[in-house]
Amino acid sequence: MSTEGPTTSPIEPPSRRPKVIKTNQQQVFLYVVLTLLLSLATVWGGRAMLHNSETLTFAVGAPNSDEALFAAKFAALLKSNASRFRIKVVNNADNAKALVQFDRKQADLAVLRTDAKVPLRARTLAILEHDLVLLLGPGNKKIKSIAELKKKKVAVLAENESSLAFVRGILDIPDGPDAAKIQMAPQGTTLDKLFAPSNGFGAVIALVHASRAVRDKAYEQVAKRGGFTLNAIDEAKALARKLPGISSETLTAGTLSTSPQIPDDDLDTIGLEWLLVTQSRMSPSTAGELARTIYENKSALGLDNGFASRIEPASTEKDAFVMAHQGAADYINDDTKSFMDKYSDLMYLGAAALSVIGSIFAAIYAKITRIAPEKASELSTAILDIGERIEHAHSLDQLECLQDELEGILRGAVIGLRDGTISTDGLDTFKLGYEFVRDEIGMRRDYLKRHAGETEKTVQGGGPAQHDDSNVVVVKTAQSA
């Protein structure tokens, strides 16, 4: 007769397992999206700040005028250089009306000749051109002074009517009968025709661009036929001091003709300047950048007819006829601050701000995305759960399963402490629970071994097995709070 031991049932799976803190995937996804959006916004904002285009209105005269052609070329240059500035060219009937538009603050840029009425808020960016005043006499006749012209019939050879008023001004001839002697020459008229006896002109005053005068072969051709004499204006310096906007100029030998050489020696005369002006309210950085672009691309801005082919820096003197814009003056005097000089303080502040913001985002990211370390004390719950199931273990095999489970928790705790996924918070509680359950398993193992021995003796002796529970220790497991 065999005695079967008490019916055993498989050990129930633990009702409570170690709490695993998982990453909130939705929060991580949202954070990544927001990070990408912030990065894109930062890049877009930086590009917008650096490359945001600014449109400047350039008021000029007729479309075929020199200033209009220069404005168009300047606009094309800025566009080809990928500058943040764009030029909008606005044509007027003449340059005088363009200056009126500029004076009304309806334009940012304009070109003026220094005999024009200068707008109050005009500031110079660059000197585009010089106009030379050529005092020409017929044949070999010399003209000794400006005063001598008051007795002669004079033709003014120029491109616009404003030159007629200028010549009458330097001759100091008021409106009246004497003013009629100073006449505007018809456009396209040559010196030969003007000096023809039938016209009766005793002198010709020509206002020409300096850059064009050195290219014009007409003077050389007329000179070879003995058609004119170029006269000095001895009062040049006195006129420059007396009349605002007039400059004293020197014609070097051979300027108009090399064969024959005209003039045969350096010669004094007077002239006017063509200025590129802007509004005084324009920021120094904008004016400086425009000036830099002009000076560094002078060869690309000259017109085919010679206008603006020798661009010069604006005069930075305090007594200049039209003061240089502060931004242009800073560039000319090499006082322009570099990018680092301008924005170093801002960059340091920005770096500090970005560091703080970056730290905040890093903390938020770490808080959201990382797996929070599990407290060692939380593992005590799993250990005590094993302790509750010990009394239901009726065989050594079942007890060994509990022993393996306990050792598994211990191994996991050791690995977690090494990797940082388990904190040392409550480590003493964990150790106490582990030792308590381990000892309880040992006691249960001893009991099962003794119980198995008594059962075997009873079977052999034929008597009923007496249960001796004197050595059984009743263990009550505590529930962790």
Protein backbone atom coordinates (compact mmCIF):
# COMPACT_ATOMS: atom_id res chain seq x y z
CA MET A 1 0.00 0.00 0.00
CA SER A 2 1.46 3.28 -0.94
CA THR A 3 0.64 6.51 0.71
CA GLU A 4 0.32 9.48 -1.56
CA GLY A 5 1.45 12.81 -0.27
CA PRO A 6 -0.87 15.76 -0.16
CA THR A 7 -2.06 16.89 -3.50
CA THR A 8 0.12 19.74 -4.78
CA SER A 9 -0.85 22.44 -7.13
CA PRO A 10 1.48 24.51 -9.28
CA ILE A 11 2.75 27.68 -7.68
CA GLU A 12 0.52 30.59 -8.61
CA PRO A 13 2.29 33.35 -10.58
CA PRO A 14 3.07 36.29 -8.34
CA SER A 15 0.17 38.62 -7.96
CA ARG A 16 2.46 41.65 -7.85
CA ARG A 17 5.56 42.17 -9.97
CA PRO A 18 8.24 44.92 -9.82
CA LYS A 19 6.79 48.13 -11.12
CA VAL A 20 8.41 49.07 -14.42
CA ILE A 21 8.32 52.75 -15.36
CA LYS A 22 8.03 53.00 -19.10
CA THR A 23 8.77 55.94 -21.34
CA ASN A 24 5.72 57.88 -22.38
CA GLN A 25 5.94 57.43 -26.14
CA GLN A 26 3.40 60.12 -26.91
CA GLN A 27 5.34 62.67 -24.89
CA VAL A 28 8.59 61.67 -26.56
CA PHE A 29 7.03 61.97 -30.00
CA LEU A 30 5.56 65.38 -29.15
CA TYR A 31 8.87 66.55 -27.77
CA VAL A 32 10.75 65.45 -30.90
CA VAL A 33 8.23 67.23 -33.13
CA LEU A 34 8.48 70.41 -31.08
CA THR A 35 12.28 70.21 -31.16
CA LEU A 36 12.26 69.90 -34.95
CA LEU A 37 9.82 72.80 -35.28
CA LEU A 38 11.95 74.94 -32.98
CA SER A 39 15.07 74.09 -34.99
CA LEU A 40 13.35 74.95 -38.26
CA ALA A 41 12.02 78.19 -36.79
CA THR A 42 15.50 79.12 -35.56
CA VAL A 43 17.10 78.42 -38.94
CA TRP A 44 14.34 80.25 -40.80
CA GLY A 45 14.56 83.21 -38.43
CA GLY A 46 18.33 83.39 -38.83
CA ARG A 47 18.11 83.28 -42.60
CA ALA A 48 15.32 85.86 -42.59
CA MET A 49 17.35 88.15 -40.38
CA LEU A 50 20.47 87.85 -42.52
CA HIS A 51 18.85 87.76 -45.94
CA ASN A 52 15.65 89.68 -45.51
CA SER A 53 15.58 91.99 -48.52
CA GLU A 54 15.11 95.71 -48.15
CA THR A 55 13.79 97.71 -51.10
CA LEU A 56 15.27 101.15 -51.68
CA THR A 57 13.63 103.67 -54.02
CA PHE A 58 16.00 105.38 -56.44
CA ALA A 59 14.55 108.59 -57.96
CA VAL A 60 16.05 109.49 -61.36
CA GLY A 61 15.24 111.54 -64.44
CA ALA A 62 14.33 110.28 -67.91
CA PRO A 63 14.97 106.58 -68.64
CA ASN A 64 17.85 107.37 -71.02
CA SER A 65 19.58 109.81 -68.66
CA ASP A 66 22.95 108.99 -67.14
CA GLU A 67 21.58 108.79 -63.61
CA ALA A 68 18.77 106.45 -64.72
CA LEU A 69 21.20 104.14 -66.52
CA PHE A 70 23.48 104.15 -63.47
CA ALA A 71 20.57 103.32 -61.14
CA ALA A 72 19.59 100.37 -63.34
CA LYS A 73 23.16 99.11 -63.34
CA PHE A 74 23.43 99.50 -59.58
CA ALA A 75 20.18 97.56 -59.11
CA ALA A 76 21.46 94.74 -61.33
CA LEU A 77 24.75 94.63 -59.41
CA LEU A 78 23.01 94.27 -56.04
CA LYS A 79 20.82 91.50 -57.42
CA SER A 80 23.73 89.58 -58.93
CA ASN A 81 25.69 89.88 -55.68
CA ALA A 82 22.77 88.36 -53.72
CA SER A 83 22.59 91.49 -51.61
CA ARG A 84 19.73 91.93 -49.18
CA PHE A 85 19.01 95.28 -50.84
CA ARG A 86 16.79 95.75 -53.87
CA ILE A 87 16.60 98.92 -55.93
CA LYS A 88 13.32 100.23 -57.28
CA VAL A 89 14.07 102.78 -60.01
CA VAL A 90 11.46 105.55 -60.35
CA ASN A 91 11.73 107.78 -63.44
CA ASN A 92 10.75 111.45 -63.58
CA ALA A 93 10.57 114.01 -66.36
CA ASP A 94 14.02 115.30 -65.41
CA ASN A 95 16.51 115.09 -62.58
CA ALA A 96 15.18 118.25 -60.94
CA LYS A 97 11.82 116.56 -60.40
CA ALA A 98 13.62 113.47 -59.08
CA LEU A 99 15.28 115.65 -56.44
CA VAL A 100 11.89 117.08 -55.50
CA GLN A 101 10.64 113.54 -54.98
CA PHE A 102 13.73 112.81 -52.87
CA ASP A 103 13.19 115.99 -50.85
CA ARG A 104 9.64 114.83 -50.05
CA LYS A 105 11.07 111.62 -48.56
CA GLN A 106 9.50 109.59 -51.35
CA ALA A 107 12.87 108.16 -52.39
CA ASP A 108 15.90 106.77 -50.58
CA LEU A 109 18.50 107.49 -53.27
CA ALA A 110 19.07 110.15 -55.91
CA VAL A 111 21.84 111.65 -58.03
CA LEU A 112 22.46 115.38 -57.96
CA ARG A 113 24.91 117.74 -59.56
CA THR A 114 26.29 120.27 -57.13
CA ASP A 115 24.78 123.25 -58.95
CA ALA A 116 21.29 121.93 -58.12
CA LYS A 117 19.21 122.82 -55.07
CA VAL A 118 20.38 120.33 -52.48
CA PRO A 119 17.67 118.71 -50.32
CA LEU A 120 18.15 119.42 -46.64
CA ARG A 121 18.37 115.78 -45.64
CA ALA A 122 20.70 114.65 -48.44
CA ARG A 123 23.89 112.85 -47.46
CA THR A 124 26.59 111.68 -49.85
CA LEU A 125 27.48 108.05 -50.44
CA ALA A 126 29.92 108.53 -53.32
CA ILE A 127 31.13 110.96 -55.98
CA LEU A 128 30.08 109.44 -59.28
CA GLU A 129 31.42 111.93 -61.79
CA HIS A 130 33.03 115.34 -62.36
CA ASP A 131 31.79 117.85 -64.93
CA LEU A 132 34.49 120.07 -66.38
CA VAL A 133 33.87 123.63 -67.53
CA LEU A 134 35.77 124.13 -70.79
CA LEU A 135 36.23 127.74 -71.90
CA LEU A 136 36.71 127.58 -75.66
CA GLY A 137 37.53 130.44 -78.01
CA PRO A 138 37.36 130.37 -81.83
CA GLY A 139 40.60 129.83 -83.69
CA ASN A 140 43.63 131.17 -81.86
CA LYS A 141 41.77 133.81 -79.84
CA LYS A 142 42.59 133.81 -76.16
CA ILE A 143 40.03 134.70 -73.50
CA LYS A 144 41.85 136.30 -70.61
CA SER A 145 39.12 136.35 -67.96
CA ILE A 146 35.55 135.49 -67.09
CA ALA A 147 34.66 139.17 -67.05
CA GLU A 148 35.60 139.40 -70.72
CA LEU A 149 32.76 137.01 -71.56
CA LYS A 150 30.14 139.56 -70.49
CA LYS A 151 30.87 141.46 -73.69
CA LYS A 152 30.59 138.41 -75.94
CA LYS A 153 27.84 136.22 -77.29
CA VAL A 154 28.38 132.87 -75.56
CA ALA A 155 27.03 129.42 -76.44
CA VAL A 156 26.54 126.90 -73.67
CA LEU A 157 27.22 123.36 -74.86
CA ALA A 158 25.67 120.96 -72.37
CA GLU A 159 23.12 118.19 -72.01
CA ASN A 160 20.49 120.00 -69.96
CA GLU A 161 18.99 123.45 -69.50
CA SER A 162 20.21 123.73 -65.91
CA SER A 163 23.71 124.33 -67.26
CA LEU A 164 22.54 127.59 -68.82
CA ALA A 165 21.53 128.96 -65.42
CA PHE A 166 24.83 127.77 -63.98
CA VAL A 167 26.89 129.64 -66.62
CA ARG A 168 24.87 132.83 -66.14
CA GLY A 169 25.52 132.47 -62.42
CA ILE A 170 29.30 132.21 -62.70
CA LEU A 171 29.29 135.15 -65.14
CA ASP A 172 27.14 137.07 -62.64
CA ILE A 173 24.69 138.13 -65.33
CA PRO A 174 21.19 138.89 -64.02
CA ASP A 175 18.01 138.32 -65.99
CA GLY A 176 17.62 140.94 -68.69
CA PRO A 177 18.99 141.91 -72.09
CA ASP A 178 22.53 140.85 -71.19
CA ALA A 179 21.33 137.37 -70.18
CA ALA A 180 20.07 136.81 -73.72
CA LYS A 181 23.68 136.83 -74.92
CA ILE A 182 24.22 133.55 -73.07
CA GLN A 183 22.38 130.99 -75.16
CA MET A 184 21.90 127.27 -74.98
CA ALA A 185 23.42 125.50 -77.99
CA PRO A 186 21.04 123.13 -79.81
CA GLN A 187 21.61 119.48 -78.96
CA GLY A 188 24.01 117.79 -81.36
CA THR A 189 25.63 121.02 -82.54
CA THR A 190 29.38 120.70 -83.20
CA LEU A 191 32.08 123.21 -82.30
CA ASP A 192 32.67 123.91 -86.02
CA LYS A 193 29.11 125.10 -86.45
CA LEU A 194 29.10 127.13 -83.26
CA PHE A 195 32.28 128.95 -84.25
CA ALA A 196 31.05 129.59 -87.78
CA PRO A 197 31.00 133.35 -88.55
CA SER A 198 27.30 133.20 -89.28
CA ASN A 199 26.49 132.32 -85.66
CA GLY A 200 28.55 135.09 -84.19
CA PHE A 201 29.55 133.31 -80.97
CA GLY A 202 32.69 134.79 -79.40
CA ALA A 203 33.10 131.87 -76.98
CA VAL A 204 31.72 128.46 -76.11
CA ILE A 205 31.43 127.17 -72.58
CA ALA A 206 31.13 123.40 -72.63
CA LEU A 207 30.09 121.37 -69.58
CA VAL A 208 31.25 117.79 -70.14
CA HIS A 209 31.77 114.73 -68.02
CA ALA A 210 35.48 114.38 -67.25
CA SER A 211 35.34 110.68 -68.10
CA ARG A 212 33.76 111.48 -71.46
CA ALA A 213 36.11 114.33 -72.34
CA VAL A 214 39.16 112.06 -72.42
CA ARG A 215 37.37 109.70 -74.82
CA ASP A 216 35.82 112.24 -77.16
CA LYS A 217 37.88 112.40 -80.35
CA ALA A 218 35.82 115.31 -81.69
CA TYR A 219 38.01 117.83 -79.85
CA GLU A 220 41.13 116.40 -81.47
CA GLN A 221 39.56 116.50 -84.94
CA VAL A 222 38.43 120.12 -84.53
CA ALA A 223 41.80 121.10 -83.06
CA LYS A 224 43.64 119.72 -86.08
CA ARG A 225 41.66 122.14 -88.22
CA GLY A 226 42.60 124.98 -85.90
CA GLY A 227 39.01 125.35 -84.83
CA PHE A 228 39.33 126.40 -81.15
CA THR A 229 41.57 127.43 -78.29
CA LEU A 230 41.16 126.02 -74.76
CA ASN A 231 41.52 128.79 -72.18
CA ALA A 232 42.33 128.60 -68.51
CA ILE A 233 39.96 130.06 -65.93
CA ASP A 234 42.37 131.93 -63.71
CA GLU A 235 39.59 132.78 -61.26
CA ALA A 236 38.92 129.06 -60.63
CA LYS A 237 39.94 129.03 -56.98
CA ALA A 238 38.17 132.30 -56.26
CA LEU A 239 34.97 131.03 -57.89
CA ALA A 240 35.20 127.76 -55.92
CA ARG A 241 35.33 129.78 -52.70
CA LYS A 242 32.61 132.17 -53.77
CA LEU A 243 29.99 129.84 -55.23
CA PRO A 244 28.87 126.75 -53.30
CA GLY A 245 29.07 123.49 -55.22
CA ILE A 246 31.84 124.60 -57.58
CA SER A 247 35.13 122.75 -57.37
CA SER A 248 38.54 123.83 -58.60
CA GLU A 249 39.76 121.39 -61.25
CA THR A 250 43.02 120.86 -63.12
CA LEU A 251 43.14 119.63 -66.68
CA THR A 252 46.36 117.71 -67.25
CA ALA A 253 48.27 118.16 -70.48
CA GLY A 254 46.79 116.22 -73.40
CA THR A 255 43.39 115.65 -71.75
CA LEU A 256 41.33 116.67 -74.81
CA SER A 257 43.82 115.88 -77.55
CA THR A 258 47.22 114.24 -77.74
CA SER A 259 48.03 115.41 -81.25
CA PRO A 260 48.01 118.33 -81.10
CA GLN A 261 48.35 118.26 -77.32
CA ILE A 262 45.44 120.11 -75.67
CA PRO A 263 46.05 121.57 -73.27
CA ASP A 264 49.77 121.80 -73.84
CA ASP A 265 50.32 122.16 -70.09
CA ASP A 266 48.28 121.66 -66.93
CA LEU A 267 45.42 124.11 -66.91
CA ASP A 268 43.13 125.43 -64.17
CA THR A 269 39.38 125.42 -64.60
CA ILE A 270 36.26 124.85 -62.54
CA GLY A 271 33.87 121.93 -62.34
CA LEU A 272 30.87 120.35 -60.70
CA GLU A 273 30.38 117.01 -59.01
CA TRP A 274 27.70 114.38 -59.48
CA LEU A 275 26.87 112.91 -56.08
CA LEU A 276 24.99 109.77 -55.17
CA VAL A 277 22.99 110.88 -52.14
CA THR A 278 20.75 109.17 -49.64
CA GLN A 279 18.46 110.26 -46.85
CA SER A 280 20.12 111.23 -43.57
CA ARG A 281 17.72 108.91 -41.73
CA MET A 282 19.21 105.83 -43.43
CA SER A 283 20.94 103.65 -40.85
CA PRO A 284 24.76 103.77 -40.80
CA SER A 285 24.95 100.01 -41.39
CA THR A 286 22.80 100.26 -44.53
CA ALA A 287 24.69 103.28 -45.86
CA GLY A 288 28.01 101.64 -45.08
CA GLU A 289 27.04 98.44 -46.88
CA LEU A 290 25.87 100.38 -49.93
CA ALA A 291 29.09 102.43 -49.96
CA ARG A 292 31.17 99.26 -49.66
CA THR A 293 29.32 97.67 -52.56
CA ILE A 294 29.86 100.76 -54.73
CA TYR A 295 33.56 101.18 -53.95
CA GLU A 296 34.37 97.50 -54.33
CA ASN A 297 32.56 97.26 -57.68
CA LYS A 298 33.52 100.55 -59.32
CA SER A 299 34.58 98.93 -62.56
CA ALA A 300 31.20 97.21 -62.92
CA LEU A 301 29.16 100.40 -62.41
CA GLY A 302 30.65 102.62 -65.10
CA LEU A 303 28.45 103.31 -68.13
CA ASP A 304 29.58 102.73 -71.68
CA ASN A 305 29.71 106.49 -72.29
CA GLY A 306 32.13 106.90 -69.38
CA PHE A 307 29.75 108.20 -66.71
CA ALA A 308 30.64 106.87 -63.23
CA SER A 309 33.72 105.09 -64.57
CA ARG A 310 35.90 106.77 -61.92
CA ILE A 311 33.85 106.69 -58.75
CA GLU A 312 35.49 108.44 -55.79
CA PRO A 313 34.80 108.30 -52.05
CA ALA A 314 32.56 111.00 -50.64
CA SER A 315 34.26 113.91 -48.92
CA THR A 316 34.27 113.37 -45.18
CA GLU A 317 35.31 116.93 -44.41
CA LYS A 318 33.02 118.95 -42.16
CA ASP A 319 32.82 121.76 -44.73
CA ALA A 320 31.91 119.47 -47.64
CA PHE A 321 29.19 120.88 -49.90
CA VAL A 322 27.05 117.84 -49.11
CA MET A 323 28.13 115.99 -46.00
CA ALA A 324 28.99 112.34 -46.27
CA HIS A 325 26.56 109.92 -44.64
CA GLN A 326 27.95 108.66 -41.36
CA GLY A 327 27.85 105.06 -42.56
CA ALA A 328 29.82 105.92 -45.72
CA ALA A 329 32.25 108.07 -43.70
CA ASP A 330 32.88 105.20 -41.29
CA TYR A 331 33.66 102.91 -44.20
CA ILE A 332 35.87 105.48 -45.95
CA ASN A 333 37.79 106.22 -42.74
CA ASP A 334 38.03 102.52 -41.98
CA ASP A 335 36.01 103.01 -38.81
CA THR A 336 33.44 100.43 -39.81
CA LYS A 337 33.04 97.85 -37.11
CA SER A 338 33.45 94.25 -38.05
CA PHE A 339 30.69 91.75 -37.52
CA MET A 340 32.32 90.62 -34.27
CA ASP A 341 32.77 94.21 -33.09
CA LYS A 342 29.12 94.96 -33.71
CA TYR A 343 27.56 91.84 -32.37
CA SER A 344 30.10 90.34 -29.95
CA ASP A 345 28.16 91.46 -26.87
CA LEU A 346 24.92 90.25 -28.40
CA MET A 347 26.54 86.95 -29.32
CA TYR A 348 27.80 86.44 -25.76
CA LEU A 349 24.36 87.22 -24.35
CA GLY A 350 22.79 84.94 -26.95
CA ALA A 351 25.21 82.15 -26.12
CA ALA A 352 24.41 82.49 -22.43
CA ALA A 353 20.68 82.52 -23.15
CA LEU A 354 20.97 79.51 -25.43
CA SER A 355 22.97 77.71 -22.76
CA VAL A 356 20.23 78.27 -20.19
CA ILE A 357 17.50 77.35 -22.67
CA GLY A 358 19.47 74.30 -23.77
CA SER A 359 19.89 73.17 -20.17
CA ILE A 360 16.16 73.54 -19.58
CA PHE A 361 15.33 71.56 -22.72
CA ALA A 362 17.89 68.92 -21.82
CA ALA A 363 16.35 68.55 -18.37
CA ILE A 364 12.86 68.35 -19.86
CA TYR A 365 14.04 65.83 -22.43
CA ALA A 366 15.75 63.70 -19.79
CA LYS A 367 12.68 63.89 -17.57
CA ILE A 368 10.36 62.81 -20.38
CA THR A 369 12.43 60.28 -22.26
CA ARG A 370 14.53 58.43 -19.69
CA ILE A 371 13.30 55.42 -17.70
CA ALA A 372 13.13 56.55 -14.09
CA PRO A 373 15.29 54.39 -11.78
CA GLU A 374 13.29 51.97 -9.64
CA LYS A 375 13.76 52.17 -5.91
CA ALA A 376 15.33 49.11 -4.32
CA SER A 377 12.63 49.17 -1.66
CA GLU A 378 9.99 48.57 -4.36
CA LEU A 379 11.56 45.16 -5.05
CA SER A 380 10.79 44.16 -1.47
CA THR A 381 7.16 43.74 -2.48
CA ALA A 382 8.12 41.00 -4.95
CA ILE A 383 10.31 39.33 -2.35
CA LEU A 384 7.57 39.31 0.27
CA ASP A 385 5.19 37.96 -2.35
CA ILE A 386 7.50 34.95 -2.66
CA GLY A 387 7.43 34.64 1.12
CA GLU A 388 3.63 34.38 1.08
CA ARG A 389 3.80 31.46 -1.34
CA ILE A 390 6.35 29.44 0.60
CA GLU A 391 3.71 27.76 2.82
CA HIS A 392 1.94 26.55 -0.35
CA ALA A 393 5.06 24.77 -1.57
CA HIS A 394 4.53 21.03 -0.79
CA SER A 395 7.49 19.68 -2.66
CA LEU A 396 11.16 20.43 -3.01
CA ASP A 397 10.68 21.13 -6.72
CA GLN A 398 8.14 23.84 -5.99
CA LEU A 399 10.46 25.27 -3.35
CA GLU A 400 13.36 25.32 -5.81
CA CYS A 401 11.20 27.34 -8.21
CA LEU A 402 10.64 29.92 -5.51
CA GLN A 403 14.36 29.87 -4.71
CA ASP A 404 15.19 30.54 -8.39
CA GLU A 405 12.67 33.36 -8.51
CA LEU A 406 14.22 34.92 -5.41
CA GLU A 407 17.71 34.65 -6.85
CA GLY A 408 16.45 36.16 -10.11
CA ILE A 409 15.20 39.21 -8.26
CA LEU A 410 18.59 39.50 -6.54
CA ARG A 411 20.48 39.29 -9.84
CA GLY A 412 18.18 41.89 -11.37
CA ALA A 413 18.75 44.16 -8.41
CA VAL A 414 22.53 43.85 -8.69
CA ILE A 415 22.47 44.56 -12.45
CA GLY A 416 20.08 47.46 -11.95
CA LEU A 417 22.29 49.01 -9.28
CA ARG A 418 25.21 48.76 -11.69
CA ASP A 419 23.33 50.25 -14.68
CA GLY A 420 21.53 52.92 -12.71
CA THR A 421 18.04 51.60 -13.46
CA ILE A 422 17.62 50.83 -9.75
CA SER A 423 18.45 53.36 -7.07
CA THR A 424 19.87 52.63 -3.65
CA ASP A 425 16.79 54.17 -2.05
CA GLY A 426 15.45 51.50 0.35
CA LEU A 427 18.38 49.15 -0.22
CA ASP A 428 18.47 48.15 3.47
CA THR A 429 14.77 47.19 3.32
CA PHE A 430 15.49 45.06 0.24
CA LYS A 431 18.38 43.28 1.98
CA LEU A 432 16.30 42.59 5.08
CA GLY A 433 13.42 41.18 3.00
CA TYR A 434 15.77 39.05 0.92
CA GLU A 435 17.50 37.53 3.94
CA PHE A 436 14.15 36.94 5.66
CA VAL A 437 12.62 35.07 2.69
CA ARG A 438 15.85 33.20 1.97
CA ASP A 439 15.94 31.87 5.57
CA GLU A 440 12.23 30.97 5.37
CA ILE A 441 12.85 28.94 2.20
CA GLY A 442 15.68 27.13 4.00
CA MET A 443 13.44 26.30 6.94
CA ARG A 444 10.68 25.08 4.60
CA ARG A 445 13.21 22.90 2.78
CA ASP A 446 14.30 21.29 6.05
CA TYR A 447 10.68 20.67 6.98
CA LEU A 448 9.88 19.02 3.65
CA LYS A 449 12.93 16.80 3.93
CA ARG A 450 11.95 15.63 7.45
CA HIS A 451 8.34 15.13 6.40
CA ALA A 452 9.47 12.99 3.47
CA GLY A 453 11.62 10.84 5.86
CA GLU A 454 8.79 10.24 8.32
CA THR A 455 6.44 9.26 5.51
CA GLU A 456 8.94 6.70 4.27
CA LYS A 457 9.31 5.14 7.78
CA THR A 458 5.56 4.87 8.20
CA VAL A 459 5.19 3.08 4.93
CA GLN A 460 7.87 0.59 5.91
CA GLY A 461 6.48 0.01 9.49
CA GLY A 462 2.83 -0.12 8.48
CA GLY A 463 1.73 2.44 11.07
CA PRO A 464 0.21 5.78 10.50
CA ALA A 465 2.56 8.63 10.11
CA GLN A 466 2.64 10.94 13.07
CA HIS A 467 3.13 14.53 12.16
CA ASP A 468 5.60 16.25 14.39
CA ASP A 469 5.12 19.94 13.98
CA SER A 470 7.20 20.84 16.97
CA ASN A 471 9.97 22.18 14.77
CA VAL A 472 7.72 23.94 12.27
CA VAL A 473 8.12 27.65 12.48
CA VAL A 474 5.10 29.61 11.49
CA VAL A 475 6.18 32.67 9.54
CA LYS A 476 3.85 35.51 8.90
CA THR A 477 4.96 37.69 6.03
CA ALA A 478 4.52 41.36 6.23
CA GLN A 479 3.02 43.41 3.53
CA SER A 480 5.10 46.29 2.51
CA ALA A 481 3.42 49.59 2.68
